[in-house]
Protein backbone atom coordinates (compact mmCIF):
# COMPACT_ATOMS: atom_id res chain seq x y z
CA UNK A 1 3.86 9.11 8.14
CA UNK A 2 1.22 7.87 10.48
CA UNK A 3 2.07 4.89 12.66
CA UNK A 4 -0.34 2.01 12.27
CA UNK A 5 1.06 -0.98 14.09
CA UNK A 6 3.71 -2.25 16.47
CA UNK A 7 4.76 -5.86 16.87
CA UNK A 8 7.34 -7.62 18.99
CA UNK A 9 9.22 -10.58 17.58
CA UNK A 10 10.78 -13.06 19.98
CA UNK A 11 11.22 -16.00 17.60
CA UNK A 12 11.14 -17.09 13.99
CA UNK A 13 7.56 -18.22 14.59
CA UNK A 14 6.64 -14.62 15.51
CA UNK A 15 8.30 -13.38 12.31
CA UNK A 16 6.31 -15.89 10.29
CA UNK A 17 3.03 -14.83 11.96
CA UNK A 18 3.69 -11.20 11.05
CA UNK A 19 4.66 -12.19 7.50
CA UNK A 20 1.40 -14.08 7.12
CA UNK A 21 -0.52 -10.90 7.98
CA UNK A 22 1.55 -8.79 5.59
CA UNK A 23 1.17 -11.38 2.80
CA UNK A 24 -2.56 -10.65 2.75
CA UNK A 25 -2.05 -6.99 1.81
CA UNK A 26 0.51 -7.31 -0.97
CA UNK A 27 -0.81 -6.57 -4.45
CA UNK A 28 0.06 -4.47 -7.49
CA UNK A 29 1.13 -0.98 -6.46
CA UNK A 30 2.12 -1.92 -2.91
CA UNK A 31 5.62 -0.83 -1.90
CA UNK A 32 7.08 -2.22 1.32
CA UNK A 33 10.26 -0.54 2.60
CA UNK A 34 12.24 -2.51 5.18
CA UNK A 35 14.53 -0.51 7.45
CA UNK A 36 16.89 -2.00 10.00
CA UNK A 37 20.47 -2.93 10.67
CA UNK A 38 22.36 -5.63 8.81
CA UNK A 39 21.31 -9.15 9.78
CA UNK A 40 18.20 -8.15 11.75
CA UNK A 41 15.82 -10.32 9.71
CA UNK A 42 14.59 -8.26 6.77
CA UNK A 43 15.18 -10.99 4.17
CA UNK A 44 13.70 -13.62 6.49
CA UNK A 45 10.51 -11.56 6.69
CA UNK A 46 10.45 -11.29 2.88
CA UNK A 47 10.85 -15.07 2.55
CA UNK A 48 7.90 -15.72 4.86
CA UNK A 49 5.75 -13.05 3.15
CA UNK A 50 6.33 -14.65 -0.26
CA UNK A 51 5.80 -18.19 1.03
CA UNK A 52 2.49 -17.28 2.62
CA UNK A 53 1.34 -15.35 -0.42
CA UNK A 54 2.25 -18.25 -2.73
CA UNK A 55 1.09 -20.98 -0.37
CA UNK A 56 4.30 -22.99 -0.65
CA UNK A 57 7.92 -23.05 0.48
CA UNK A 58 10.29 -21.24 -1.87
CA UNK A 59 13.95 -20.33 -1.97
CA UNK A 60 14.39 -16.63 -1.25
CA UNK A 61 17.92 -15.27 -1.36
CA UNK A 62 19.02 -11.82 -0.32
CA UNK A 63 19.57 -9.70 -3.43
CA UNK A 64 22.62 -8.09 -1.81
CA UNK A 65 24.83 -8.77 -4.83
CA UNK A 66 22.25 -8.96 -7.63
CA UNK A 67 20.45 -5.89 -6.15
CA UNK A 68 17.06 -7.26 -7.25
CA UNK A 69 15.30 -10.62 -7.41
CA UNK A 70 11.93 -10.98 -9.10
CA UNK A 71 9.36 -13.56 -7.97
CA UNK A 72 6.29 -14.56 -9.94
CA UNK A 73 3.50 -15.51 -7.59
CA UNK A 74 -0.04 -16.72 -8.28
CA UNK A 75 -1.24 -13.43 -9.75
CA UNK A 76 1.51 -11.02 -8.86
CA UNK A 77 5.09 -10.12 -9.71
CA UNK A 78 7.13 -9.15 -6.64
CA UNK A 79 10.38 -7.21 -7.01
CA UNK A 80 12.69 -7.68 -4.01
CA UNK A 81 15.43 -5.05 -3.89
CA UNK A 82 18.41 -4.78 -1.55
CA UNK A 83 19.96 -1.34 -2.02
CA UNK A 84 22.71 -1.66 0.60
CA UNK A 85 25.41 -1.61 -2.12
CA UNK A 86 23.82 1.07 -4.30
CA UNK A 87 26.25 3.99 -4.63
CA UNK A 88 23.96 6.59 -6.18
CA UNK A 89 20.19 6.78 -6.49
CA UNK A 90 20.42 7.13 -10.29
CA UNK A 91 21.56 3.49 -10.43
CA UNK A 92 18.06 2.37 -9.45
CA UNK A 93 16.76 3.27 -12.90
CA UNK A 94 18.99 0.55 -14.39
CA UNK A 95 17.10 -1.90 -12.16
CA UNK A 96 13.63 -1.17 -13.62
CA UNK A 97 12.26 0.60 -10.54
CA UNK A 98 9.61 2.42 -12.59
CA UNK A 99 8.23 -0.90 -13.86
CA UNK A 100 8.61 -2.53 -10.44
CA UNK A 101 6.54 0.13 -8.69
CA UNK A 102 3.55 -0.85 -10.86
CA UNK A 103 3.86 -4.37 -9.49
CA UNK A 104 4.61 -5.15 -5.84
CA UNK A 105 7.98 -3.99 -4.52
CA UNK A 106 9.79 -4.92 -1.34
CA UNK A 107 12.87 -2.79 -0.74
CA UNK A 108 15.58 -3.36 1.84
CA UNK A 109 17.75 -0.30 2.58
CA UNK A 110 15.40 2.14 0.76
CA UNK A 111 16.92 5.33 2.21
CA UNK A 112 19.01 6.16 -0.87
CA UNK A 113 15.91 6.37 -3.12
CA UNK A 114 13.39 7.65 -0.57
CA UNK A 115 12.55 10.74 -2.62
CA UNK A 116 11.40 8.68 -5.63
CA UNK A 117 9.27 6.20 -3.69
CA UNK A 118 5.49 6.53 -3.58
CA UNK A 119 4.02 8.56 -0.72
CA UNK A 120 1.69 5.71 0.17
CA UNK A 121 4.50 3.19 0.72
CA UNK A 122 4.48 1.04 3.82
CA UNK A 123 7.59 1.48 5.97
CA UNK A 124 8.55 -1.39 8.24
CA UNK A 125 11.17 -0.53 10.86
CA UNK A 126 13.14 -3.22 12.69
CA UNK A 127 14.58 -2.15 16.05
CA UNK A 128 16.60 -4.59 18.14
CA UNK A 129 15.43 -4.36 21.75
CA UNK A 130 17.91 -6.96 22.99
CA UNK A 131 19.50 -10.18 21.72
CA UNK A 132 16.17 -12.02 21.78
CA UNK A 133 13.57 -9.44 20.75
CA UNK A 134 12.89 -7.08 17.87
CA UNK A 135 10.33 -4.30 17.79
CA UNK A 136 8.60 -3.81 14.45
CA UNK A 137 6.93 -0.48 13.67
CA UNK A 138 4.78 -0.22 10.56
CA UNK A 139 4.09 3.28 9.27
CA UNK A 140 2.25 4.48 6.19
CA UNK A 141 0.20 7.35 4.84
CA UNK A 142 -2.54 4.91 3.86
CA UNK A 143 -4.65 2.70 6.04
CA UNK A 144 -2.98 -0.65 6.63
CA UNK A 145 -4.97 -3.34 8.37
CA UNK A 146 -2.93 -6.22 9.75
């Protein structure tokens, strides 16, 4: 994967600014993979991405227990997966991943299904620098302009 961008988040406002940029690139066929430790802000980023894409505040819950939440936006269906509790990659087929990948997918904890994800996915890595800052690295095999 080729690295495209680095961002530093120091506040929720910074997270929202990044989400606004990402919201402009989501469309059918886009797969965002969010990688980072528990509680680092992956679901918060998803919430802001969806709100900016839809142009309104919405309730976005972590799909930790449901494994997937589906959001209908203006002209797009977004599948938000949280695979933290997935025991085996074969379980993903019960969650309509093949259909989801035709739409827009945002996947937290994608490591377990990495070998079935598209090569042109966009990987977003969250790395805690200290208690007040997070480094975001965005890598993809395709050109991503943020």
